[in-house]
Amino acid sequence: MDRTITRLGARIRSIREEKGLSREEAAHRGGIHATHWSAIELSNTNATVATLVGIAEALDVRLEDLFKGL
């Protein structure tokens, strides 16, 4: 899998954990199925822009914050 996708998944997981959210709670907040959220964090799938927007909203960060340090 592409290194950027791997790092993005790790970044999303890190932010979620910093916020003290379970995958299920974060996914619910973002309107994303928990299985899909998990696949994104584990770099098993690519996320669409719309999904990334939902993730950013669920984590209460700006979209560009998901890509910092990648």
Protein backbone atom coordinates (compact mmCIF):
# COMPACT_ATOMS: atom_id res chain seq x y z
CA MET A 1 0.00 0.00 0.00
CA ASP A 2 1.18 3.52 -0.72
CA ARG A 3 3.15 5.03 2.17
CA THR A 4 1.03 8.18 2.13
CA ILE A 5 -2.13 6.13 2.64
CA THR A 6 -0.44 4.25 5.47
CA ARG A 7 0.66 7.48 7.15
CA LEU A 8 -2.77 9.05 6.66
CA GLY A 9 -4.44 6.09 8.38
CA ALA A 10 -1.98 6.32 11.26
CA ARG A 11 -2.56 10.08 11.53
CA ILE A 12 -6.33 9.62 11.67
CA ARG A 13 -5.96 6.94 14.36
CA SER A 14 -3.59 9.15 16.36
CA ILE A 15 -5.93 12.15 16.29
CA ARG A 16 -8.91 9.95 17.20
CA GLU A 17 -7.05 8.48 20.16
CA GLU A 18 -5.88 11.94 21.29
CA LYS A 19 -9.54 13.00 21.30
CA GLY A 20 -10.45 9.93 23.39
CA LEU A 21 -12.89 8.59 20.80
CA SER A 22 -13.56 4.96 19.99
CA ARG A 23 -13.66 4.04 16.31
CA GLU A 24 -17.39 3.45 16.59
CA GLU A 25 -18.08 6.84 18.17
CA ALA A 26 -15.89 8.68 15.67
CA ALA A 27 -17.45 6.85 12.75
CA HIS A 28 -20.95 7.67 14.01
CA ARG A 29 -20.02 11.35 14.34
CA GLY A 30 -18.67 11.38 10.80
CA GLY A 31 -21.54 9.47 9.24
CA ILE A 32 -19.18 6.66 8.24
CA HIS A 33 -19.63 2.94 8.86
CA ALA A 34 -17.28 1.80 11.63
CA THR A 35 -15.90 -0.99 9.43
CA HIS A 36 -14.99 1.55 6.74
CA TRP A 37 -13.36 3.84 9.35
CA SER A 38 -11.32 0.90 10.58
CA ALA A 39 -10.23 0.00 7.04
CA ILE A 40 -9.05 3.59 6.51
CA GLU A 41 -7.05 3.62 9.74
CA LEU A 42 -5.50 0.26 8.84
CA SER A 43 -4.74 1.46 5.29
CA ASN A 44 -6.84 -1.29 3.74
CA THR A 45 -8.78 1.15 1.57
CA ASN A 46 -8.50 4.61 0.07
CA ALA A 47 -10.84 7.27 1.43
CA THR A 48 -12.76 9.60 -0.85
CA VAL A 49 -12.62 13.34 -0.30
CA ALA A 50 -16.18 13.22 1.03
CA THR A 51 -15.18 10.56 3.55
CA LEU A 52 -12.13 12.57 4.61
CA VAL A 53 -14.37 15.59 5.17
CA GLY A 54 -16.59 13.43 7.41
CA ILE A 55 -13.54 12.19 9.31
CA ALA A 56 -12.27 15.72 9.84
CA GLU A 57 -15.69 16.81 11.09
CA ALA A 58 -15.92 13.81 13.42
CA LEU A 59 -12.49 14.59 14.85
CA ASP A 60 -13.22 18.35 15.03
CA VAL A 61 -10.15 19.24 12.97
CA ARG A 62 -9.64 20.97 9.64
CA LEU A 63 -9.29 18.73 6.61
CA GLU A 64 -5.72 19.90 6.07
CA ASP A 65 -4.86 18.83 9.65
CA LEU A 66 -5.27 15.21 8.58
CA PHE A 67 -2.36 15.65 6.16
CA LYS A 68 0.11 17.47 8.43
CA GLY A 69 3.44 15.74 8.55
CA LEU A 70 2.70 13.23 5.83
